Amino acid sequence: WRVAIGLQAVDRLTVSDYLIQLARRNIEGEL
């Protein structure tokens, strides 16, 4: 997830808080 979000930042794009919440749920194994 950090790499994916970092690649967005390279293109000067920011990710939403919603995506970060989903990423955390994926990391935790919930999704």
Full PDB file with SEQRES, HELIX, SHEET, SSBOND, CRYST1, ORIGX, SCALE, CONECT and MASTER records, all heavy atoms in Angstrom:
SEQRES   1 A   31  TRP ARG VAL ALA ILE GLY LEU GLN ALA VAL ASP ARG LEU          
SEQRES   2 A   31  THR VAL SER ASP TYR LEU ILE GLN LEU ALA ARG ARG ASN          
SEQRES   3 A   31  ILE GLU GLY GLU LEU                                          
HELIX    1 AA1 ARG A    2  VAL A   10  1                                   9    
HELIX    2 AA2 ASP A   17  GLU A   28  1                                  12    
CRYST1    1.000    1.000    1.000  90.00  90.00  90.00 P 1           1          
ORIGX1      1.000000  0.000000  0.000000        0.00000                         
ORIGX2      0.000000  1.000000  0.000000        0.00000                         
ORIGX3      0.000000  0.000000  1.000000        0.00000                         
SCALE1      1.000000  0.000000  0.000000        0.00000                         
SCALE2      0.000000  1.000000  0.000000        0.00000                         
SCALE3      0.000000  0.000000  1.000000        0.00000                         
ATOM      1  N   TRP A   1       0.834  -1.210   0.000  1.00  0.00           N  
ATOM      2  CA  TRP A   1       0.000   0.000   0.000  1.00  0.00           C  
ATOM      3  C   TRP A   1       0.865   1.255   0.000  1.00  0.00           C  
ATOM      4  O   TRP A   1       0.573   2.215  -0.705  1.00  0.00           O  
ATOM      5  CB  TRP A   1      -0.954   0.012   1.194  1.00  0.00           C  
ATOM      6  CG  TRP A   1      -2.185  -0.785   0.948  1.00  0.00           C  
ATOM      7  CD1 TRP A   1      -2.518  -1.988   1.499  1.00  0.00           C  
ATOM      8  CD2 TRP A   1      -3.258  -0.445   0.062  1.00  0.00           C  
ATOM      9  NE1 TRP A   1      -3.727  -2.417   1.008  1.00  0.00           N  
ATOM     10  CE2 TRP A   1      -4.210  -1.487   0.132  1.00  0.00           C  
ATOM     11  CE3 TRP A   1      -3.511   0.628  -0.765  1.00  0.00           C  
ATOM     12  CZ2 TRP A   1      -5.388  -1.475  -0.603  1.00  0.00           C  
ATOM     13  CZ3 TRP A   1      -4.684   0.648  -1.497  1.00  0.00           C  
ATOM     14  CH2 TRP A   1      -5.607  -0.389  -1.415  1.00  0.00           C  
ATOM     15  N   ARG A   2       1.929   1.248   0.774  1.00  0.00           N  
ATOM     16  CA  ARG A   2       2.794   2.431   0.820  1.00  0.00           C  
ATOM     17  C   ARG A   2       3.403   2.699  -0.553  1.00  0.00           C  
ATOM     18  O   ARG A   2       3.478   3.851  -0.994  1.00  0.00           O  
ATOM     19  CB  ARG A   2       3.883   2.276   1.868  1.00  0.00           C  
ATOM     20  CG  ARG A   2       4.647   3.590   2.022  1.00  0.00           C  
ATOM     21  CD  ARG A   2       5.813   3.498   2.931  1.00  0.00           C  
ATOM     22  NE  ARG A   2       5.389   3.577   4.326  1.00  0.00           N  
ATOM     23  CZ  ARG A   2       6.235   3.456   5.339  1.00  0.00           C  
ATOM     24  NH1 ARG A   2       7.504   3.217   5.123  1.00  0.00           N  
ATOM     25  NH2 ARG A   2       5.806   3.567   6.564  1.00  0.00           N  
ATOM     26  N   VAL A   3       3.836   1.653  -1.233  1.00  0.00           N  
ATOM     27  CA  VAL A   3       4.392   1.821  -2.585  1.00  0.00           C  
ATOM     28  C   VAL A   3       3.327   2.376  -3.530  1.00  0.00           C  
ATOM     29  O   VAL A   3       3.583   3.317  -4.288  1.00  0.00           O  
ATOM     30  CB  VAL A   3       4.973   0.492  -3.118  1.00  0.00           C  
ATOM     31  CG1 VAL A   3       5.269   0.573  -4.606  1.00  0.00           C  
ATOM     32  CG2 VAL A   3       6.226   0.119  -2.340  1.00  0.00           C  
ATOM     33  N   ALA A   4       2.136   1.797  -3.489  1.00  0.00           N  
ATOM     34  CA  ALA A   4       1.058   2.253  -4.380  1.00  0.00           C  
ATOM     35  C   ALA A   4       0.726   3.721  -4.142  1.00  0.00           C  
ATOM     36  O   ALA A   4       0.577   4.500  -5.090  1.00  0.00           O  
ATOM     37  CB  ALA A   4      -0.182   1.391  -4.174  1.00  0.00           C  
ATOM     38  N   ILE A   5       0.646   4.111  -2.880  1.00  0.00           N  
ATOM     39  CA  ILE A   5       0.339   5.507  -2.545  1.00  0.00           C  
ATOM     40  C   ILE A   5       1.501   6.408  -2.931  1.00  0.00           C  
ATOM     41  O   ILE A   5       1.309   7.513  -3.439  1.00  0.00           O  
ATOM     42  CB  ILE A   5      -0.040   5.619  -1.055  1.00  0.00           C  
ATOM     43  CG1 ILE A   5      -1.396   4.936  -0.837  1.00  0.00           C  
ATOM     44  CG2 ILE A   5      -0.067   7.076  -0.596  1.00  0.00           C  
ATOM     45  CD1 ILE A   5      -1.762   4.704   0.611  1.00  0.00           C  
ATOM     46  N   GLY A   6       2.715   5.922  -2.751  1.00  0.00           N  
ATOM     47  CA  GLY A   6       3.898   6.682  -3.151  1.00  0.00           C  
ATOM     48  C   GLY A   6       3.946   6.909  -4.647  1.00  0.00           C  
ATOM     49  O   GLY A   6       4.352   7.981  -5.114  1.00  0.00           O  
ATOM     50  N   LEU A   7       3.541   5.919  -5.421  1.00  0.00           N  
ATOM     51  CA  LEU A   7       3.510   6.086  -6.883  1.00  0.00           C  
ATOM     52  C   LEU A   7       2.500   7.151  -7.291  1.00  0.00           C  
ATOM     53  O   LEU A   7       2.725   7.882  -8.261  1.00  0.00           O  
ATOM     54  CB  LEU A   7       3.200   4.754  -7.559  1.00  0.00           C  
ATOM     55  CG  LEU A   7       4.331   3.727  -7.507  1.00  0.00           C  
ATOM     56  CD1 LEU A   7       3.843   2.380  -8.014  1.00  0.00           C  
ATOM     57  CD2 LEU A   7       5.535   4.211  -8.299  1.00  0.00           C  
ATOM     58  N   GLN A   8       1.409   7.246  -6.563  1.00  0.00           N  
ATOM     59  CA  GLN A   8       0.445   8.319  -6.825  1.00  0.00           C  
ATOM     60  C   GLN A   8       1.086   9.673  -6.544  1.00  0.00           C  
ATOM     61  O   GLN A   8       0.911  10.625  -7.301  1.00  0.00           O  
ATOM     62  CB  GLN A   8      -0.811   8.137  -5.966  1.00  0.00           C  
ATOM     63  CG  GLN A   8      -1.593   6.884  -6.247  1.00  0.00           C  
ATOM     64  CD  GLN A   8      -2.149   6.869  -7.649  1.00  0.00           C  
ATOM     65  OE1 GLN A   8      -2.857   7.779  -8.050  1.00  0.00           O  
ATOM     66  NE2 GLN A   8      -1.830   5.835  -8.405  1.00  0.00           N  
ATOM     67  N   ALA A   9       1.838   9.743  -5.459  1.00  0.00           N  
ATOM     68  CA  ALA A   9       2.481  11.007  -5.066  1.00  0.00           C  
ATOM     69  C   ALA A   9       3.506  11.454  -6.108  1.00  0.00           C  
ATOM     70  O   ALA A   9       3.679  12.655  -6.334  1.00  0.00           O  
ATOM     71  CB  ALA A   9       3.138  10.857  -3.697  1.00  0.00           C  
ATOM     72  N   VAL A  10       4.177  10.506  -6.755  1.00  0.00           N  
ATOM     73  CA  VAL A  10       5.141  10.850  -7.800  1.00  0.00           C  
ATOM     74  C   VAL A  10       4.464  11.647  -8.908  1.00  0.00           C  
ATOM     75  O   VAL A  10       5.046  12.574  -9.466  1.00  0.00           O  
ATOM     76  CB  VAL A  10       5.800   9.562  -8.372  1.00  0.00           C  
ATOM     77  CG1 VAL A  10       6.549   9.844  -9.654  1.00  0.00           C  
ATOM     78  CG2 VAL A  10       6.719   8.944  -7.337  1.00  0.00           C  
ATOM     79  N   ASP A  11       3.221  11.308  -9.171  1.00  0.00           N  
ATOM     80  CA  ASP A  11       2.444  12.020 -10.196  1.00  0.00           C  
ATOM     81  C   ASP A  11       1.678  13.203  -9.621  1.00  0.00           C  
ATOM     82  O   ASP A  11       0.771  13.735 -10.253  1.00  0.00           O  
ATOM     83  CB  ASP A  11       1.467  11.059 -10.878  1.00  0.00           C  
ATOM     84  CG  ASP A  11       2.170  10.057 -11.770  1.00  0.00           C  
ATOM     85  OD1 ASP A  11       3.255  10.388 -12.284  1.00  0.00           O  
ATOM     86  OD2 ASP A  11       1.650   8.946 -11.941  1.00  0.00           O  
ATOM     87  N   ARG A  12       2.047  13.589  -8.390  1.00  0.00           N  
ATOM     88  CA  ARG A  12       1.413  14.712  -7.684  1.00  0.00           C  
ATOM     89  C   ARG A  12      -0.078  14.474  -7.442  1.00  0.00           C  
ATOM     90  O   ARG A  12      -0.876  15.408  -7.483  1.00  0.00           O  
ATOM     91  CB  ARG A  12       1.651  16.019  -8.418  1.00  0.00           C  
ATOM     92  CG  ARG A  12       3.110  16.402  -8.440  1.00  0.00           C  
ATOM     93  CD  ARG A  12       3.303  17.802  -8.940  1.00  0.00           C  
ATOM     94  NE  ARG A  12       4.689  18.157  -8.755  1.00  0.00           N  
ATOM     95  CZ  ARG A  12       5.425  18.744  -9.670  1.00  0.00           C  
ATOM     96  NH1 ARG A  12       4.897  19.055 -10.824  1.00  0.00           N  
ATOM     97  NH2 ARG A  12       6.675  19.037  -9.418  1.00  0.00           N  
ATOM     98  N   LEU A  13      -0.419  13.227  -7.208  1.00  0.00           N  
ATOM     99  CA  LEU A  13      -1.800  12.867  -6.879  1.00  0.00           C  
ATOM    100  C   LEU A  13      -1.858  12.504  -5.402  1.00  0.00           C  
ATOM    101  O   LEU A  13      -0.899  11.958  -4.857  1.00  0.00           O  
ATOM    102  CB  LEU A  13      -2.260  11.678  -7.722  1.00  0.00           C  
ATOM    103  CG  LEU A  13      -2.217  11.873  -9.228  1.00  0.00           C  
ATOM    104  CD1 LEU A  13      -2.506  10.558  -9.938  1.00  0.00           C  
ATOM    105  CD2 LEU A  13      -3.215  12.942  -9.653  1.00  0.00           C  
ATOM    106  N   THR A  14      -2.957  12.827  -4.772  1.00  0.00           N  
ATOM    107  CA  THR A  14      -3.138  12.443  -3.379  1.00  0.00           C  
ATOM    108  C   THR A  14      -4.275  11.433  -3.298  1.00  0.00           C  
ATOM    109  O   THR A  14      -5.177  11.433  -4.128  1.00  0.00           O  
ATOM    110  CB  THR A  14      -3.473  13.657  -2.492  1.00  0.00           C  
ATOM    111  OG1 THR A  14      -4.652  14.285  -2.982  1.00  0.00           O  
ATOM    112  CG2 THR A  14      -2.330  14.653  -2.467  1.00  0.00           C  
ATOM    113  N   VAL A  15      -4.188  10.584  -2.314  1.00  0.00           N  
ATOM    114  CA  VAL A  15      -5.239   9.582  -2.134  1.00  0.00           C  
ATOM    115  C   VAL A  15      -6.211  10.078  -1.072  1.00  0.00           C  
ATOM    116  O   VAL A  15      -5.862  10.875  -0.212  1.00  0.00           O  
ATOM    117  CB  VAL A  15      -4.654   8.207  -1.752  1.00  0.00           C  
ATOM    118  CG1 VAL A  15      -3.785   7.673  -2.884  1.00  0.00           C  
ATOM    119  CG2 VAL A  15      -3.888   8.268  -0.463  1.00  0.00           C  
ATOM    120  N   SER A  16      -7.411   9.574  -1.148  1.00  0.00           N  
ATOM    121  CA  SER A  16      -8.449  10.003  -0.218  1.00  0.00           C  
ATOM    122  C   SER A  16      -8.294   9.302   1.132  1.00  0.00           C  
ATOM    123  O   SER A  16      -7.673   8.236   1.235  1.00  0.00           O  
ATOM    124  CB  SER A  16      -9.833   9.680  -0.787  1.00  0.00           C  
ATOM    125  OG  SER A  16     -10.008   8.280  -0.860  1.00  0.00           O  
ATOM    126  N   ASP A  17      -8.880   9.910   2.142  1.00  0.00           N  
ATOM    127  CA  ASP A  17      -8.923   9.274   3.457  1.00  0.00           C  
ATOM    128  C   ASP A  17      -9.685   7.959   3.376  1.00  0.00           C  
ATOM    129  O   ASP A  17      -9.370   7.005   4.093  1.00  0.00           O  
ATOM    130  CB  ASP A  17      -9.575  10.201   4.491  1.00  0.00           C  
ATOM    131  CG  ASP A  17      -8.707  11.396   4.826  1.00  0.00           C  
ATOM    132  OD1 ASP A  17      -7.475  11.320   4.631  1.00  0.00           O  
ATOM    133  OD2 ASP A  17      -9.256  12.413   5.290  1.00  0.00           O  
ATOM    134  N   TYR A  18     -10.674   7.907   2.508  1.00  0.00           N  
ATOM    135  CA  TYR A  18     -11.453   6.686   2.317  1.00  0.00           C  
ATOM    136  C   TYR A  18     -10.545   5.546   1.857  1.00  0.00           C  
ATOM    137  O   TYR A  18     -10.621   4.423   2.377  1.00  0.00           O  
ATOM    138  CB  TYR A  18     -12.574   6.930   1.298  1.00  0.00           C  
ATOM    139  CG  TYR A  18     -13.442   5.723   1.039  1.00  0.00           C  
ATOM    140  CD1 TYR A  18     -14.257   5.197   2.038  1.00  0.00           C  
ATOM    141  CD2 TYR A  18     -13.448   5.099  -0.206  1.00  0.00           C  
ATOM    142  CE1 TYR A  18     -15.060   4.091   1.806  1.00  0.00           C  
ATOM    143  CE2 TYR A  18     -14.247   3.993  -0.449  1.00  0.00           C  
ATOM    144  CZ  TYR A  18     -15.043   3.494   0.561  1.00  0.00           C  
ATOM    145  OH  TYR A  18     -15.832   2.393   0.335  1.00  0.00           O  
ATOM    146  N   LEU A  19      -9.670   5.815   0.900  1.00  0.00           N  
ATOM    147  CA  LEU A  19      -8.761   4.786   0.424  1.00  0.00           C  
ATOM    148  C   LEU A  19      -7.840   4.334   1.549  1.00  0.00           C  
ATOM    149  O   LEU A  19      -7.588   3.132   1.711  1.00  0.00           O  
ATOM    150  CB  LEU A  19      -7.928   5.271  -0.760  1.00  0.00           C  
ATOM    151  CG  LEU A  19      -6.943   4.196  -1.222  1.00  0.00           C  
ATOM    152  CD1 LEU A  19      -7.517   3.415  -2.381  1.00  0.00           C  
ATOM    153  CD2 LEU A  19      -5.620   4.773  -1.544  1.00  0.00           C  
ATOM    154  N   ILE A  20      -7.347   5.256   2.329  1.00  0.00           N  
ATOM    155  CA  ILE A  20      -6.453   4.898   3.441  1.00  0.00           C  
ATOM    156  C   ILE A  20      -7.195   4.030   4.461  1.00  0.00           C  
ATOM    157  O   ILE A  20      -6.640   3.053   4.970  1.00  0.00           O  
ATOM    158  CB  ILE A  20      -5.834   6.155   4.070  1.00  0.00           C  
ATOM    159  CG1 ILE A  20      -4.870   6.795   3.056  1.00  0.00           C  
ATOM    160  CG2 ILE A  20      -5.111   5.823   5.371  1.00  0.00           C  
ATOM    161  CD1 ILE A  20      -4.331   8.135   3.444  1.00  0.00           C  
ATOM    162  N   GLN A  21      -8.451   4.344   4.720  1.00  0.00           N  
ATOM    163  CA  GLN A  21      -9.245   3.513   5.631  1.00  0.00           C  
ATOM    164  C   GLN A  21      -9.407   2.096   5.074  1.00  0.00           C  
ATOM    165  O   GLN A  21      -9.267   1.112   5.816  1.00  0.00           O  
ATOM    166  CB  GLN A  21     -10.631   4.124   5.847  1.00  0.00           C  
ATOM    167  CG  GLN A  21     -10.632   5.393   6.644  1.00  0.00           C  
ATOM    168  CD  GLN A  21     -11.998   6.073   6.640  1.00  0.00           C  
ATOM    169  OE1 GLN A  21     -12.948   5.604   6.000  1.00  0.00           O  
ATOM    170  NE2 GLN A  21     -12.099   7.175   7.355  1.00  0.00           N  
ATOM    171  N   LEU A  22      -9.695   1.997   3.781  1.00  0.00           N  
ATOM    172  CA  LEU A  22      -9.827   0.675   3.166  1.00  0.00           C  
ATOM    173  C   LEU A  22      -8.494  -0.065   3.177  1.00  0.00           C  
ATOM    174  O   LEU A  22      -8.457  -1.277   3.415  1.00  0.00           O  
ATOM    175  CB  LEU A  22     -10.346   0.794   1.731  1.00  0.00           C  
ATOM    176  CG  LEU A  22     -11.776   1.289   1.561  1.00  0.00           C  
ATOM    177  CD1 LEU A  22     -12.121   1.397   0.074  1.00  0.00           C  
ATOM    178  CD2 LEU A  22     -12.767   0.390   2.273  1.00  0.00           C  
ATOM    179  N   ALA A  23      -7.418   0.654   2.936  1.00  0.00           N  
ATOM    180  CA  ALA A  23      -6.087   0.028   2.971  1.00  0.00           C  
ATOM    181  C   ALA A  23      -5.810  -0.552   4.350  1.00  0.00           C  
ATOM    182  O   ALA A  23      -5.329  -1.681   4.469  1.00  0.00           O  
ATOM    183  CB  ALA A  23      -5.020   1.054   2.592  1.00  0.00           C  
ATOM    184  N   ARG A  24      -6.129   0.206   5.390  1.00  0.00           N  
ATOM    185  CA  ARG A  24      -5.925  -0.300   6.756  1.00  0.00           C  
ATOM    186  C   ARG A  24      -6.750  -1.559   7.005  1.00  0.00           C  
ATOM    187  O   ARG A  24      -6.271  -2.519   7.613  1.00  0.00           O  
ATOM    188  CB  ARG A  24      -6.282   0.761   7.787  1.00  0.00           C  
ATOM    189  CG  ARG A  24      -5.260   1.855   7.905  1.00  0.00           C  
ATOM    190  CD  ARG A  24      -5.527   2.757   9.106  1.00  0.00           C  
ATOM    191  NE  ARG A  24      -4.615   3.873   9.095  1.00  0.00           N  
ATOM    192  CZ  ARG A  24      -3.333   3.803   9.447  1.00  0.00           C  
ATOM    193  NH1 ARG A  24      -2.841   2.661   9.859  1.00  0.00           N  
ATOM    194  NH2 ARG A  24      -2.569   4.861   9.401  1.00  0.00           N  
ATOM    195  N   ARG A  25      -7.973  -1.575   6.523  1.00  0.00           N  
ATOM    196  CA  ARG A  25      -8.823  -2.758   6.695  1.00  0.00           C  
ATOM    197  C   ARG A  25      -8.257  -3.949   5.919  1.00  0.00           C  
ATOM    198  O   ARG A  25      -8.328  -5.087   6.379  1.00  0.00           O  
ATOM    199  CB  ARG A  25     -10.249  -2.453   6.272  1.00  0.00           C  
ATOM    200  CG  ARG A  25     -10.937  -1.473   7.237  1.00  0.00           C  
ATOM    201  CD  ARG A  25     -12.343  -1.140   6.840  1.00  0.00           C  
ATOM    202  NE  ARG A  25     -13.195  -2.327   6.905  1.00  0.00           N  
ATOM    203  CZ  ARG A  25     -14.397  -2.389   6.359  1.00  0.00           C  
ATOM    204  NH1 ARG A  25     -14.906  -1.342   5.739  1.00  0.00           N  
ATOM    205  NH2 ARG A  25     -15.113  -3.489   6.444  1.00  0.00           N  
ATOM    206  N   ASN A  26      -7.656  -3.688   4.760  1.00  0.00           N  
ATOM    207  CA  ASN A  26      -7.007  -4.747   4.000  1.00  0.00           C  
ATOM    208  C   ASN A  26      -5.763  -5.245   4.739  1.00  0.00           C  
ATOM    209  O   ASN A  26      -5.551  -6.455   4.851  1.00  0.00           O  
ATOM    210  CB  ASN A  26      -6.637  -4.250   2.602  1.00  0.00           C  
ATOM    211  CG  ASN A  26      -5.778  -5.242   1.857  1.00  0.00           C  
ATOM    212  OD1 ASN A  26      -4.583  -5.013   1.696  1.00  0.00           O  
ATOM    213  ND2 ASN A  26      -6.371  -6.340   1.412  1.00  0.00           N  
ATOM    214  N   ILE A  27      -4.972  -4.340   5.236  1.00  0.00           N  
ATOM    215  CA  ILE A  27      -3.768  -4.722   5.983  1.00  0.00           C  
ATOM    216  C   ILE A  27      -4.135  -5.577   7.187  1.00  0.00           C  
ATOM    217  O   ILE A  27      -3.485  -6.581   7.475  1.00  0.00           O  
ATOM    218  CB  ILE A  27      -2.972  -3.472   6.406  1.00  0.00           C  
ATOM    219  CG1 ILE A  27      -2.408  -2.754   5.170  1.00  0.00           C  
ATOM    220  CG2 ILE A  27      -1.854  -3.852   7.380  1.00  0.00           C  
ATOM    221  CD1 ILE A  27      -1.893  -1.355   5.442  1.00  0.00           C  
ATOM    222  N   GLU A  28      -5.206  -5.197   7.870  1.00  0.00           N  
ATOM    223  CA  GLU A  28      -5.658  -5.939   9.049  1.00  0.00           C  
ATOM    224  C   GLU A  28      -6.249  -7.300   8.693  1.00  0.00           C  
ATOM    225  O   GLU A  28      -6.445  -8.145   9.562  1.00  0.00           O  
ATOM    226  CB  GLU A  28      -6.707  -5.126   9.818  1.00  0.00           C  
ATOM    227  CG  GLU A  28      -6.152  -3.946  10.576  1.00  0.00           C  
ATOM    228  CD  GLU A  28      -5.333  -4.360  11.789  1.00  0.00           C  
ATOM    229  OE1 GLU A  28      -5.537  -5.474  12.316  1.00  0.00           O  
ATOM    230  OE2 GLU A  28      -4.481  -3.565  12.202  1.00  0.00           O  
ATOM    231  N   GLY A  29      -6.547  -7.516   7.417  1.00  0.00           N  
ATOM    232  CA  GLY A  29      -7.120  -8.782   6.982  1.00  0.00           C  
ATOM    233  C   GLY A  29      -8.640  -8.798   6.989  1.00  0.00           C  
ATOM    234  O   GLY A  29      -9.253  -9.834   6.742  1.00  0.00           O  
ATOM    235  N   GLU A  30      -9.254  -7.639   7.238  1.00  0.00           N  
ATOM    236  CA  GLU A  30     -10.722  -7.548   7.243  1.00  0.00           C  
ATOM    237  C   GLU A  30     -11.298  -7.611   5.837  1.00  0.00           C  
ATOM    238  O   GLU A  30     -12.417  -8.092   5.649  1.00  0.00           O  
ATOM    239  CB  GLU A  30     -11.172  -6.241   7.890  1.00  0.00           C  
ATOM    240  CG  GLU A  30     -10.881  -6.104   9.354  1.00  0.00           C  
ATOM    241  CD  GLU A  30     -11.257  -4.724   9.865  1.00  0.00           C  
ATOM    242  OE1 GLU A  30     -12.206  -4.111   9.325  1.00  0.00           O  
ATOM    243  OE2 GLU A  30     -10.585  -4.252  10.792  1.00  0.00           O  
ATOM    244  N   LEU A  31     -10.555  -7.071   4.870  1.00  0.00           N  
ATOM    245  CA  LEU A  31     -11.002  -7.031   3.475  1.00  0.00           C  
ATOM    246  C   LEU A  31      -9.912  -7.593   2.576  1.00  0.00           C  
ATOM    247  O   LEU A  31      -8.726  -7.325   2.791  1.00  0.00           O  
ATOM    248  CB  LEU A  31     -11.266  -5.580   3.037  1.00  0.00           C  
ATOM    249  CG  LEU A  31     -12.369  -4.799   3.715  1.00  0.00           C  
ATOM    250  CD1 LEU A  31     -12.335  -3.346   3.263  1.00  0.00           C  
ATOM    251  CD2 LEU A  31     -13.717  -5.413   3.418  1.00  0.00           C  
TER     252      LEU A  31                                                      
MASTER        0    0    0    2    0    0    0    6  251    1    0    3          
END                                                                             
